[in-house]
C-alpha atoms as a PDB file:
ATOM      1  CA  MET A   1      -0.477  -4.690 -12.149  1.00  0.00           C
ATOM      2  CA  ILE A   2      -2.744  -2.392 -10.162  1.00  0.00           C
ATOM      3  CA  GLY A   3      -1.498   0.209  -7.681  1.00  0.00           C
ATOM      4  CA  VAL A   4      -3.663   1.582  -4.849  1.00  0.00           C
ATOM      5  CA  ALA A   5      -2.000   4.732  -3.319  1.00  0.00           C
ATOM      6  CA  GLY A   6      -3.200   7.535  -1.069  1.00  0.00           C
ATOM      7  CA  GLY A   7      -2.590   9.186   2.223  1.00  0.00           C
ATOM      8  CA  SER A   8      -2.480   7.259   5.464  1.00  0.00           C
ATOM      9  CA  GLY A   9      -5.946   6.547   6.636  1.00  0.00           C
ATOM     10  CA  SER A  10      -7.558   7.503   3.221  1.00  0.00           C
ATOM     11  CA  GLY A  11      -9.290   4.122   2.876  1.00  0.00           C
ATOM     12  CA  LYS A  12      -6.706   2.298   0.737  1.00  0.00           C
ATOM     13  CA  THR A  13      -7.230  -1.000   2.718  1.00  0.00           C
ATOM     14  CA  THR A  14     -10.982  -0.737   2.242  1.00  0.00           C
ATOM     15  CA  VAL A  15     -10.590  -0.333  -1.522  1.00  0.00           C
ATOM     16  CA  THR A  16      -7.955  -3.045  -1.692  1.00  0.00           C
ATOM     17  CA  LYS A  17     -10.106  -5.597   0.265  1.00  0.00           C
ATOM     18  CA  ALA A  18     -13.097  -4.835  -2.003  1.00  0.00           C
ATOM     19  CA  ILE A  19     -10.950  -5.646  -5.051  1.00  0.00           C
ATOM     20  CA  LEU A  20      -9.644  -8.761  -3.438  1.00  0.00           C
ATOM     21  CA  GLU A  21     -13.120 -10.015  -2.391  1.00  0.00           C
ATOM     22  CA  ARG A  22     -15.090  -9.122  -5.560  1.00  0.00           C
ATOM     23  CA  VAL A  23     -12.390 -10.101  -8.174  1.00  0.00           C
ATOM     24  CA  GLY A  24     -11.292 -13.132  -6.282  1.00  0.00           C
ATOM     25  CA  ARG A  25      -8.259 -13.710  -4.065  1.00  0.00           C
ATOM     26  CA  GLU A  26      -7.368 -16.734  -6.169  1.00  0.00           C
ATOM     27  CA  ARG A  27      -6.708 -14.348  -9.125  1.00  0.00           C
ATOM     28  CA  ILE A  28      -4.675 -11.764  -7.206  1.00  0.00           C
ATOM     29  CA  ALA A  29      -1.232 -11.644  -5.911  1.00  0.00           C
ATOM     30  CA  PHE A  30      -1.313  -8.994  -3.198  1.00  0.00           C
ATOM     31  CA  LEU A  31       1.888  -7.121  -2.138  1.00  0.00           C
ATOM     32  CA  PRO A  32       1.274  -4.397   0.599  1.00  0.00           C
ATOM     33  CA  HIS A  33       4.122  -1.868   0.513  1.00  0.00           C
ATOM     34  CA  ASP A  34       3.977  -1.705   4.379  1.00  0.00           C
ATOM     35  CA  SER A  35       5.567  -5.200   4.556  1.00  0.00           C
ATOM     36  CA  TYR A  36       8.600  -3.754   2.942  1.00  0.00           C
ATOM     37  CA  TYR A  37       9.651  -1.303   5.706  1.00  0.00           C
ATOM     38  CA  ARG A  38      13.474  -1.604   6.394  1.00  0.00           C
ATOM     39  CA  ASP A  39      14.438  -3.732   9.228  1.00  0.00           C
ATOM     40  CA  LEU A  40      15.564  -1.671  12.200  1.00  0.00           C
ATOM     41  CA  ALA A  41      16.630  -4.458  14.488  1.00  0.00           C
ATOM     42  CA  HIS A  42      20.209  -3.083  14.566  1.00  0.00           C
ATOM     43  CA  LEU A  43      18.949   0.210  16.174  1.00  0.00           C
ATOM     44  CA  PRO A  44      17.976   0.643  19.908  1.00  0.00           C
ATOM     45  CA  LEU A  45      14.232   0.662  20.313  1.00  0.00           C
ATOM     46  CA  GLU A  46      14.057   4.396  21.188  1.00  0.00           C
ATOM     47  CA  GLN A  47      15.963   5.284  18.138  1.00  0.00           C
ATOM     48  CA  ARG A  48      13.621   3.152  16.020  1.00  0.00           C
ATOM     49  CA  ARG A  49      10.743   5.177  17.269  1.00  0.00           C
ATOM     50  CA  GLN A  50      12.257   8.336  15.974  1.00  0.00           C
ATOM     51  CA  ILE A  51      12.633   7.156  12.265  1.00  0.00           C
ATOM     52  CA  ASN A  52      10.515   8.935   9.719  1.00  0.00           C
ATOM     53  CA  PHE A  53       8.382   5.979   8.461  1.00  0.00           C
ATOM     54  CA  ASP A  54       6.602   8.405   5.973  1.00  0.00           C
ATOM     55  CA  HIS A  55       9.671   9.188   4.023  1.00  0.00           C
ATOM     56  CA  PRO A  56      10.497   7.082   0.733  1.00  0.00           C
ATOM     57  CA  ASP A  57      13.778   6.054   2.250  1.00  0.00           C
ATOM     58  CA  ALA A  58      11.956   3.955   4.942  1.00  0.00           C
ATOM     59  CA  PHE A  59      10.901   1.423   2.442  1.00  0.00           C
ATOM     60  CA  ASP A  60      13.037  -1.394   0.827  1.00  0.00           C
ATOM     61  CA  ASN A  61      12.001  -0.711  -2.788  1.00  0.00           C
ATOM     62  CA  ALA A  62      14.833  -2.646  -4.340  1.00  0.00           C
ATOM     63  CA  LEU A  63      13.304  -5.849  -2.650  1.00  0.00           C
ATOM     64  CA  TYR A  64       9.818  -4.731  -3.502  1.00  0.00           C
ATOM     65  CA  ILE A  65      10.579  -4.411  -7.189  1.00  0.00           C
ATOM     66  CA  ALA A  66      12.682  -7.566  -7.328  1.00  0.00           C
ATOM     67  CA  GLN A  67       9.734  -9.527  -5.950  1.00  0.00           C
ATOM     68  CA  LEU A  68       7.301  -7.882  -8.338  1.00  0.00           C
ATOM     69  CA  ASP A  69       9.448  -8.833 -11.246  1.00  0.00           C
ATOM     70  CA  ALA A  70       9.750 -12.384  -9.882  1.00  0.00           C
ATOM     71  CA  LEU A  71       5.936 -12.616  -9.821  1.00  0.00           C
ATOM     72  CA  ILE A  72       5.742 -11.324 -13.406  1.00  0.00           C
ATOM     73  CA  ARG A  73       8.147 -14.111 -14.466  1.00  0.00           C
ATOM     74  CA  GLY A  74       5.829 -16.720 -12.816  1.00  0.00           C
ATOM     75  CA  GLU A  75       7.878 -17.239  -9.724  1.00  0.00           C
ATOM     76  CA  PRO A  76       6.500 -17.252  -6.049  1.00  0.00           C
ATOM     77  CA  VAL A  77       8.088 -14.950  -3.639  1.00  0.00           C
ATOM     78  CA  GLN A  78       8.521 -14.644   0.138  1.00  0.00           C
ATOM     79  CA  VAL A  79       7.060 -11.562   1.417  1.00  0.00           C
ATOM     80  CA  PRO A  80       8.484 -10.097   4.638  1.00  0.00           C
ATOM     81  CA  CYS A  81       6.312  -9.811   7.782  1.00  0.00           C
ATOM     82  CA  TYR A  82       6.878  -6.552   9.506  1.00  0.00           C
ATOM     83  CA  ASP A  83       6.272  -6.006  13.204  1.00  0.00           C
ATOM     84  CA  PHE A  84       5.009  -2.495  13.795  1.00  0.00           C
ATOM     85  CA  VAL A  85       5.345  -2.757  17.521  1.00  0.00           C
ATOM     86  CA  SER A  86       9.016  -3.447  17.403  1.00  0.00           C
ATOM     87  CA  TYR A  87       9.773  -1.892  14.056  1.00  0.00           C
ATOM     88  CA  THR A  88      11.508  -5.045  12.844  1.00  0.00           C
ATOM     89  CA  ARG A  89      10.903  -7.834  10.312  1.00  0.00           C
ATOM     90  CA  ARG A  90       9.831 -11.054  11.827  1.00  0.00           C
ATOM     91  CA  PRO A  91      11.686 -14.294  11.118  1.00  0.00           C
ATOM     92  CA  GLU A  92       8.762 -15.803   9.208  1.00  0.00           C
ATOM     93  CA  THR A  93       7.593 -14.699   5.634  1.00  0.00           C
ATOM     94  CA  VAL A  94       4.455 -15.201   3.675  1.00  0.00           C
ATOM     95  CA  GLN A  95       4.548 -16.948   0.297  1.00  0.00           C
ATOM     96  CA  VAL A  96       2.781 -15.298  -2.435  1.00  0.00           C
ATOM     97  CA  GLN A  97       2.021 -17.193  -5.805  1.00  0.00           C
ATOM     98  CA  PRO A  98       2.027 -15.616  -9.105  1.00  0.00           C
ATOM     99  CA  ARG A  99      -1.506 -14.651 -10.185  1.00  0.00           C
ATOM    100  CA  PRO A 100      -3.040 -12.902 -13.281  1.00  0.00           C
ATOM    101  CA  VAL A 101      -3.412  -9.768 -11.200  1.00  0.00           C
ATOM    102  CA  ILE A 102      -0.799  -8.194  -9.093  1.00  0.00           C
ATOM    103  CA  LEU A 103      -2.253  -5.714  -6.567  1.00  0.00           C
ATOM    104  CA  LEU A 104       0.008  -3.132  -4.725  1.00  0.00           C
ATOM    105  CA  GLU A 105      -0.912  -0.913  -1.967  1.00  0.00           C
ATOM    106  CA  GLY A 106       0.927   1.811  -0.116  1.00  0.00           C
ATOM    107  CA  ILE A 107       1.203   5.498   0.614  1.00  0.00           C
ATOM    108  CA  LEU A 108       4.255   6.086  -1.644  1.00  0.00           C
ATOM    109  CA  ILE A 109       4.094   3.506  -4.410  1.00  0.00           C
ATOM    110  CA  PHE A 110       3.620   6.233  -7.071  1.00  0.00           C
ATOM    111  CA  GLY A 111       6.614   8.109  -5.893  1.00  0.00           C
ATOM    112  CA  ASP A 112       9.156   5.563  -7.443  1.00  0.00           C
ATOM    113  CA  ALA A 113       9.202   5.849 -11.297  1.00  0.00           C
ATOM    114  CA  ALA A 114      10.625   2.359 -11.771  1.00  0.00           C
ATOM    115  CA  LEU A 115       7.773   0.997  -9.644  1.00  0.00           C
ATOM    116  CA  ARG A 116       5.162   3.273 -11.149  1.00  0.00           C
ATOM    117  CA  ASP A 117       6.088   2.346 -14.646  1.00  0.00           C
ATOM    118  CA  ARG A 118       5.313  -1.324 -13.961  1.00  0.00           C
ATOM    119  CA  MET A 119       1.701  -0.448 -13.132  1.00  0.00           C
ATOM    120  CA  GLY A 120      -1.148  -0.878 -15.649  1.00  0.00           C
ATOM    121  CA  ILE A 121      -3.802   0.815 -13.475  1.00  0.00           C
ATOM    122  CA  LYS A 122      -3.006   3.438 -10.851  1.00  0.00           C
ATOM    123  CA  LEU A 123      -5.736   4.356  -8.281  1.00  0.00           C
ATOM    124  CA  PHE A 124      -5.287   7.175  -5.755  1.00  0.00           C
ATOM    125  CA  VAL A 125      -7.707   6.995  -2.774  1.00  0.00           C
ATOM    126  CA  ASP A 126      -8.530  10.425  -1.386  1.00  0.00           C
ATOM    127  CA  ALA A 127     -10.100  11.637   1.780  1.00  0.00           C
ATOM    128  CA  ASP A 128     -10.413  14.690   4.003  1.00  0.00           C
ATOM    129  CA  ASP A 129      -7.341  15.264   6.351  1.00  0.00           C
ATOM    130  CA  ASP A 130      -9.394  15.139   9.560  1.00  0.00           C
ATOM    131  CA  LEU A 131     -10.888  11.675   8.577  1.00  0.00           C
ATOM    132  CA  ARG A 132      -7.522  10.338   7.796  1.00  0.00           C
ATOM    133  CA  PHE A 133      -6.103  11.412  10.969  1.00  0.00           C
ATOM    134  CA  ILE A 134      -8.945   9.866  12.994  1.00  0.00           C
ATOM    135  CA  ARG A 135      -8.648   6.566  11.175  1.00  0.00           C
ATOM    136  CA  ARG A 136      -4.887   6.479  11.579  1.00  0.00           C
ATOM    137  CA  MET A 137      -5.293   7.005  15.287  1.00  0.00           C
ATOM    138  CA  GLN A 138      -7.856   4.366  15.702  1.00  0.00           C
ATOM    139  CA  ARG A 139      -5.704   1.953  13.757  1.00  0.00           C
ATOM    140  CA  ASP A 140      -2.520   2.731  15.606  1.00  0.00           C
ATOM    141  CA  LEU A 141      -4.187   2.455  18.978  1.00  0.00           C
ATOM    142  CA  ARG A 142      -5.810  -0.804  18.051  1.00  0.00           C
ATOM    143  CA  ASP A 143      -3.273  -2.641  16.125  1.00  0.00           C
ATOM    144  CA  ARG A 144       0.221  -1.102  16.626  1.00  0.00           C
ATOM    145  CA  GLY A 145       0.587  -0.565  20.387  1.00  0.00           C
ATOM    146  CA  ARG A 146       0.743   3.235  20.221  1.00  0.00           C
ATOM    147  CA  THR A 147      -0.458   5.809  22.617  1.00  0.00           C
ATOM    148  CA  ILE A 148      -2.513   8.865  21.784  1.00  0.00           C
ATOM    149  CA  GLU A 149       0.364  11.133  22.545  1.00  0.00           C
ATOM    150  CA  SER A 150       2.747   9.279  20.268  1.00  0.00           C
ATOM    151  CA  VAL A 151       0.159   9.148  17.437  1.00  0.00           C
ATOM    152  CA  ILE A 152      -0.230  12.874  17.585  1.00  0.00           C
ATOM    153  CA  ASP A 153       3.470  13.615  17.839  1.00  0.00           C
ATOM    154  CA  GLN A 154       4.205  11.409  14.846  1.00  0.00           C
ATOM    155  CA  TYR A 155       1.351  12.935  12.772  1.00  0.00           C
ATOM    156  CA  LEU A 156       2.699  16.457  13.304  1.00  0.00           C
ATOM    157  CA  ARG A 157       6.291  15.536  13.080  1.00  0.00           C
ATOM    158  CA  THR A 158       6.454  13.363   9.970  1.00  0.00           C
ATOM    159  CA  VAL A 159       3.042  12.121   8.701  1.00  0.00           C
ATOM    160  CA  ARG A 160       1.535  15.412   7.775  1.00  0.00           C
ATOM    161  CA  PRO A 161       4.624  17.168   6.303  1.00  0.00           C
ATOM    162  CA  MET A 162       5.607  13.920   4.419  1.00  0.00           C
ATOM    163  CA  HIS A 163       2.103  13.659   3.075  1.00  0.00           C
ATOM    164  CA  LEU A 164       2.304  17.156   1.707  1.00  0.00           C
ATOM    165  CA  ASP A 165       5.902  16.701   0.343  1.00  0.00           C
ATOM    166  CA  PHE A 166       5.618  13.154  -1.044  1.00  0.00           C
ATOM    167  CA  VAL A 167       2.164  11.584  -1.150  1.00  0.00           C
ATOM    168  CA  GLU A 168      -0.101  14.328  -2.277  1.00  0.00           C
ATOM    169  CA  PRO A 169       2.036  15.255  -5.248  1.00  0.00           C
ATOM    170  CA  THR A 170       1.830  11.673  -6.690  1.00  0.00           C
ATOM    171  CA  LYS A 171      -1.894  12.138  -7.210  1.00  0.00           C
ATOM    172  CA  ARG A 172      -1.116  13.505 -10.706  1.00  0.00           C
ATOM    173  CA  TYR A 173       0.072   9.968 -11.709  1.00  0.00           C
ATOM    174  CA  ALA A 174      -3.221   8.402 -11.040  1.00  0.00           C
ATOM    175  CA  ASP A 175      -5.485   7.033 -13.670  1.00  0.00           C
ATOM    176  CA  ILE A 176      -8.392   7.208 -11.381  1.00  0.00           C
ATOM    177  CA  ILE A 177      -8.893   9.292  -8.167  1.00  0.00           C
ATOM    178  CA  ILE A 178     -11.342   7.743  -5.753  1.00  0.00           C
ATOM    179  CA  PRO A 179     -12.922  10.527  -3.464  1.00  0.00           C
ATOM    180  CA  ARG A 180     -14.399   9.701  -0.117  1.00  0.00           C
ATOM    181  CA  GLY A 181     -12.003   6.658   0.164  1.00  0.00           C
ATOM    182  CA  GLY A 182     -13.709   3.308   0.717  1.00  0.00           C
ATOM    183  CA  LEU A 183     -16.989   4.776   1.073  1.00  0.00           C
ATOM    184  CA  ASN A 184     -17.251   5.421  -2.691  1.00  0.00           C
ATOM    185  CA  ALA A 185     -19.163   2.325  -3.740  1.00  0.00           C
ATOM    186  CA  ILE A 186     -19.702   3.620  -7.339  1.00  0.00           C
ATOM    187  CA  ALA A 187     -15.956   4.149  -7.883  1.00  0.00           C
ATOM    188  CA  ILE A 188     -15.093   0.776  -6.527  1.00  0.00           C
ATOM    189  CA  ASP A 189     -17.828  -0.878  -8.813  1.00  0.00           C
ATOM    190  CA  MET A 190     -16.227   0.818 -11.821  1.00  0.00           C
ATOM    191  CA  VAL A 191     -12.777  -0.304 -10.863  1.00  0.00           C
ATOM    192  CA  VAL A 192     -13.838  -3.933 -10.266  1.00  0.00           C
ATOM    193  CA  ALA A 193     -15.779  -3.999 -13.496  1.00  0.00           C
ATOM    194  CA  ARG A 194     -12.642  -2.739 -15.296  1.00  0.00           C
ATOM    195  CA  ILE A 195     -10.371  -5.437 -13.857  1.00  0.00           C
ATOM    196  CA  GLU A 196     -12.952  -8.163 -14.545  1.00  0.00           C
ATOM    197  CA  HIS A 197     -13.140  -6.967 -18.162  1.00  0.00           C
ATOM    198  CA  MET A 198      -9.436  -7.106 -18.560  1.00  0.00           C
ATOM    199  CA  LEU A 199      -9.246 -10.586 -17.068  1.00  0.00           C
ATOM    200  CA  ASP A 200     -12.028 -11.796 -19.376  1.00  0.00           C
ATOM    201  CA  ALA A 201     -10.247 -10.358 -22.419  1.00  0.00           C
ATOM    202  CA  ARG A 202      -7.041 -11.958 -21.385  1.00  0.00           C
ATOM    203  CA  ALA A 203      -8.788 -15.321 -20.955  1.00  0.00           C
ATOM    204  CA  GLU A 204     -10.301 -15.091 -24.385  1.00  0.00           C
ATOM    205  CA  GLY A 205      -6.955 -14.245 -25.909  1.00  0.00           C
ATOM    206  CA  ARG A 206      -7.856 -10.546 -26.757  1.00  0.00           C
ATOM    207  CA  GLN A 207      -4.928  -9.222 -24.672  1.00  0.00           C
END
């Protein structure tokens, strides 16, 4: 089980995609933590917009861990589909089959001890604050129906303080810190080589 953590906009998705493509999607069960935001359908839309989505309580870690354990037992799971425009879970789910590698990604996955203890490799993707903010703004405007004003407000109100309180401190749990985010090709090469070595050793019965 491999965890990829780091601040919002740090390059986690780039690192994750590199692992998926180079190790092989057929060998990896991928569970993004963002899919496990709590469903806020019971709240008015304006109230949903005020929720602190960068706080650990915003995530349904009980479900996340339960589905991880099911994959470890060799059972398929139904991963929620989260709608970032309406802040609700969609009716449909995505089935994920058990694979030799389970890949986790999220800003706060190292903050939960029970979750962290299940990981065999912990990667923290690091990047300068200004680059992270720019990437987050580009993503939220492009993919999540946000305005420039709402992105800036959320960044100042919750993203930045929660990063300092909850995300940055978890760097100390990382086995490998990847500076410069997804642009660090050498670090990604080393991580991919390590994963492939472990898979080869397992196939040969050495693990």
